[in-house]
Amino acid sequence: MAIDQKHLESFEMWCWRRMEKISWTDYVRNEEVLIRVSEQRNILHEIRKWKANWIGHILRSNYHLKEVIEGKIDGRIDVTRRRGRRRKKMLDDLEEDIFI
């Protein structure tokens, strides 16, 4: 998860650098780029907010997707246990985002 967050932050900075037409060979710190564009790093915050809004929308509805998100429907026909680590449910991911 931390690697994904690092990639998202890198992508956000890449976008700011492209908007400011800063070449990849120029030595400009990320803080300087953020000052130039008068912004803060907020892509992870926005993604967490969108995810929470979407899950809230689904949980208020009466769809079968609600049961899948809550983990009541597994989505598999066979009942044998899979090898490896337990799959993370969307609600587990949301709880992790809330407590960070």
C-alpha atoms as a PDB file:
ATOM      1  CA  MET A   1       0.000   0.000   0.000  1.00  0.00           C
ATOM      2  CA  ALA A   2       2.820   2.412   0.797  1.00  0.00           C
ATOM      3  CA  ILE A   3       4.369   1.804  -2.625  1.00  0.00           C
ATOM      4  CA  ASP A   4       1.076   2.685  -4.309  1.00  0.00           C
ATOM      5  CA  GLN A   5       0.872   5.884  -2.276  1.00  0.00           C
ATOM      6  CA  LYS A   6       4.404   6.805  -3.283  1.00  0.00           C
ATOM      7  CA  HIS A   7       3.562   6.227  -6.951  1.00  0.00           C
ATOM      8  CA  LEU A   8       0.449   8.398  -6.671  1.00  0.00           C
ATOM      9  CA  GLU A   9       2.405  11.215  -5.036  1.00  0.00           C
ATOM     10  CA  SER A  10       5.085  10.917  -7.716  1.00  0.00           C
ATOM     11  CA  PHE A  11       2.431  11.108 -10.420  1.00  0.00           C
ATOM     12  CA  GLU A  12       0.919  14.187  -8.793  1.00  0.00           C
ATOM     13  CA  MET A  13       4.304  15.926  -8.742  1.00  0.00           C
ATOM     14  CA  TRP A  14       4.940  14.869 -12.344  1.00  0.00           C
ATOM     15  CA  CYS A  15       1.650  16.509 -13.351  1.00  0.00           C
ATOM     16  CA  TRP A  16       2.549  19.754 -11.536  1.00  0.00           C
ATOM     17  CA  ARG A  17       5.964  19.761 -13.203  1.00  0.00           C
ATOM     18  CA  ARG A  18       4.402  19.244 -16.635  1.00  0.00           C
ATOM     19  CA  MET A  19       1.983  22.130 -16.040  1.00  0.00           C
ATOM     20  CA  GLU A  20       4.869  24.395 -15.072  1.00  0.00           C
ATOM     21  CA  LYS A  21       6.969  23.133 -18.018  1.00  0.00           C
ATOM     22  CA  ILE A  22       9.822  22.086 -15.742  1.00  0.00           C
ATOM     23  CA  SER A  23      12.159  19.695 -17.526  1.00  0.00           C
ATOM     24  CA  TRP A  24      13.146  16.470 -15.826  1.00  0.00           C
ATOM     25  CA  THR A  25      16.784  17.556 -16.128  1.00  0.00           C
ATOM     26  CA  ASP A  26      16.194  20.754 -14.136  1.00  0.00           C
ATOM     27  CA  TYR A  27      16.970  20.514 -10.434  1.00  0.00           C
ATOM     28  CA  VAL A  28      13.841  21.887  -8.793  1.00  0.00           C
ATOM     29  CA  ARG A  29      12.708  20.545  -5.429  1.00  0.00           C
ATOM     30  CA  ASN A  30       9.150  19.341  -4.999  1.00  0.00           C
ATOM     31  CA  GLU A  31       8.513  22.005  -2.367  1.00  0.00           C
ATOM     32  CA  GLU A  32       9.544  24.685  -4.871  1.00  0.00           C
ATOM     33  CA  VAL A  33       7.188  23.256  -7.487  1.00  0.00           C
ATOM     34  CA  LEU A  34       4.305  23.282  -4.998  1.00  0.00           C
ATOM     35  CA  ILE A  35       5.077  26.908  -4.096  1.00  0.00           C
ATOM     36  CA  ARG A  36       5.088  27.859  -7.785  1.00  0.00           C
ATOM     37  CA  VAL A  37       1.657  26.349  -8.372  1.00  0.00           C
ATOM     38  CA  SER A  38       0.289  27.495  -4.978  1.00  0.00           C
ATOM     39  CA  GLU A  39      -0.902  24.000  -4.145  1.00  0.00           C
ATOM     40  CA  GLN A  40      -0.358  21.252  -1.607  1.00  0.00           C
ATOM     41  CA  ARG A  41      -0.075  17.521  -2.075  1.00  0.00           C
ATOM     42  CA  ASN A  42      -3.627  16.319  -1.833  1.00  0.00           C
ATOM     43  CA  ILE A  43      -4.169  13.506  -4.325  1.00  0.00           C
ATOM     44  CA  LEU A  44      -4.264  10.827  -1.601  1.00  0.00           C
ATOM     45  CA  HIS A  45      -6.698  12.898   0.456  1.00  0.00           C
ATOM     46  CA  GLU A  46      -8.960  13.343  -2.577  1.00  0.00           C
ATOM     47  CA  ILE A  47      -8.882   9.630  -3.417  1.00  0.00           C
ATOM     48  CA  ARG A  48      -9.790   8.704   0.168  1.00  0.00           C
ATOM     49  CA  LYS A  49     -12.635  11.232   0.110  1.00  0.00           C
ATOM     50  CA  TRP A  50     -13.985   9.890  -3.208  1.00  0.00           C
ATOM     51  CA  LYS A  51     -13.740   6.316  -1.929  1.00  0.00           C
ATOM     52  CA  ALA A  52     -15.597   7.168   1.292  1.00  0.00           C
ATOM     53  CA  ASN A  53     -18.316   9.011  -0.642  1.00  0.00           C
ATOM     54  CA  TRP A  54     -18.743   6.109  -3.057  1.00  0.00           C
ATOM     55  CA  ILE A  55     -18.915   3.497  -0.295  1.00  0.00           C
ATOM     56  CA  GLY A  56     -21.400   5.676   1.613  1.00  0.00           C
ATOM     57  CA  HIS A  57     -23.539   5.890  -1.519  1.00  0.00           C
ATOM     58  CA  ILE A  58     -23.483   2.109  -1.953  1.00  0.00           C
ATOM     59  CA  LEU A  59     -24.204   1.401   1.733  1.00  0.00           C
ATOM     60  CA  ARG A  60     -27.254   3.686   1.650  1.00  0.00           C
ATOM     61  CA  SER A  61     -28.604   1.859  -1.381  1.00  0.00           C
ATOM     62  CA  ASN A  62     -30.261  -1.528  -1.590  1.00  0.00           C
ATOM     63  CA  TYR A  63     -28.005  -3.110  -4.194  1.00  0.00           C
ATOM     64  CA  HIS A  64     -26.374  -6.516  -4.080  1.00  0.00           C
ATOM     65  CA  LEU A  65     -23.096  -4.631  -4.280  1.00  0.00           C
ATOM     66  CA  LYS A  66     -23.729  -3.506  -0.692  1.00  0.00           C
ATOM     67  CA  GLU A  67     -23.641  -7.126   0.448  1.00  0.00           C
ATOM     68  CA  VAL A  68     -20.436  -7.736  -1.499  1.00  0.00           C
ATOM     69  CA  ILE A  69     -18.753  -4.708   0.090  1.00  0.00           C
ATOM     70  CA  GLU A  70     -19.863  -5.758   3.563  1.00  0.00           C
ATOM     71  CA  GLY A  71     -18.393  -9.208   2.893  1.00  0.00           C
ATOM     72  CA  LYS A  72     -21.691 -11.085   3.144  1.00  0.00           C
ATOM     73  CA  ILE A  73     -21.390 -12.396  -0.429  1.00  0.00           C
ATOM     74  CA  ASP A  74     -18.028 -13.909  -1.216  1.00  0.00           C
ATOM     75  CA  GLY A  75     -18.460 -14.035  -4.975  1.00  0.00           C
ATOM     76  CA  ARG A  76     -17.165 -17.603  -5.235  1.00  0.00           C
ATOM     77  CA  ILE A  77     -19.155 -20.772  -5.809  1.00  0.00           C
ATOM     78  CA  ASP A  78     -16.817 -23.262  -4.146  1.00  0.00           C
ATOM     79  CA  VAL A  79     -16.448 -23.022  -0.391  1.00  0.00           C
ATOM     80  CA  THR A  80     -12.882 -24.273  -0.076  1.00  0.00           C
ATOM     81  CA  ARG A  81     -10.480 -21.880   1.550  1.00  0.00           C
ATOM     82  CA  ARG A  82      -7.987 -20.202  -0.745  1.00  0.00           C
ATOM     83  CA  ARG A  83      -4.279 -20.254  -0.034  1.00  0.00           C
ATOM     84  CA  GLY A  84      -2.440 -17.173   1.123  1.00  0.00           C
ATOM     85  CA  ARG A  85      -3.444 -13.989   2.836  1.00  0.00           C
ATOM     86  CA  ARG A  86      -7.108 -13.151   3.321  1.00  0.00           C
ATOM     87  CA  ARG A  87      -8.452 -10.709   0.720  1.00  0.00           C
ATOM     88  CA  LYS A  88      -8.984  -7.206   1.985  1.00  0.00           C
ATOM     89  CA  LYS A  89     -12.600  -6.063   1.966  1.00  0.00           C
ATOM     90  CA  MET A  90     -13.458  -2.556   0.852  1.00  0.00           C
ATOM     91  CA  LEU A  91     -14.726  -1.700   4.328  1.00  0.00           C
ATOM     92  CA  ASP A  92     -11.404  -2.841   5.820  1.00  0.00           C
ATOM     93  CA  ASP A  93      -9.634  -0.512   3.400  1.00  0.00           C
ATOM     94  CA  LEU A  94     -11.940   2.363   4.381  1.00  0.00           C
ATOM     95  CA  GLU A  95     -11.333   1.742   8.099  1.00  0.00           C
ATOM     96  CA  GLU A  96      -7.601   1.783   7.458  1.00  0.00           C
ATOM     97  CA  ASP A  97      -7.935   5.126   5.637  1.00  0.00           C
ATOM     98  CA  ILE A  98     -10.006   6.616   8.449  1.00  0.00           C
ATOM     99  CA  PHE A  99      -7.530   5.680  11.191  1.00  0.00           C
ATOM    100  CA  ILE A 100      -4.435   6.932   9.329  1.00  0.00           C
END
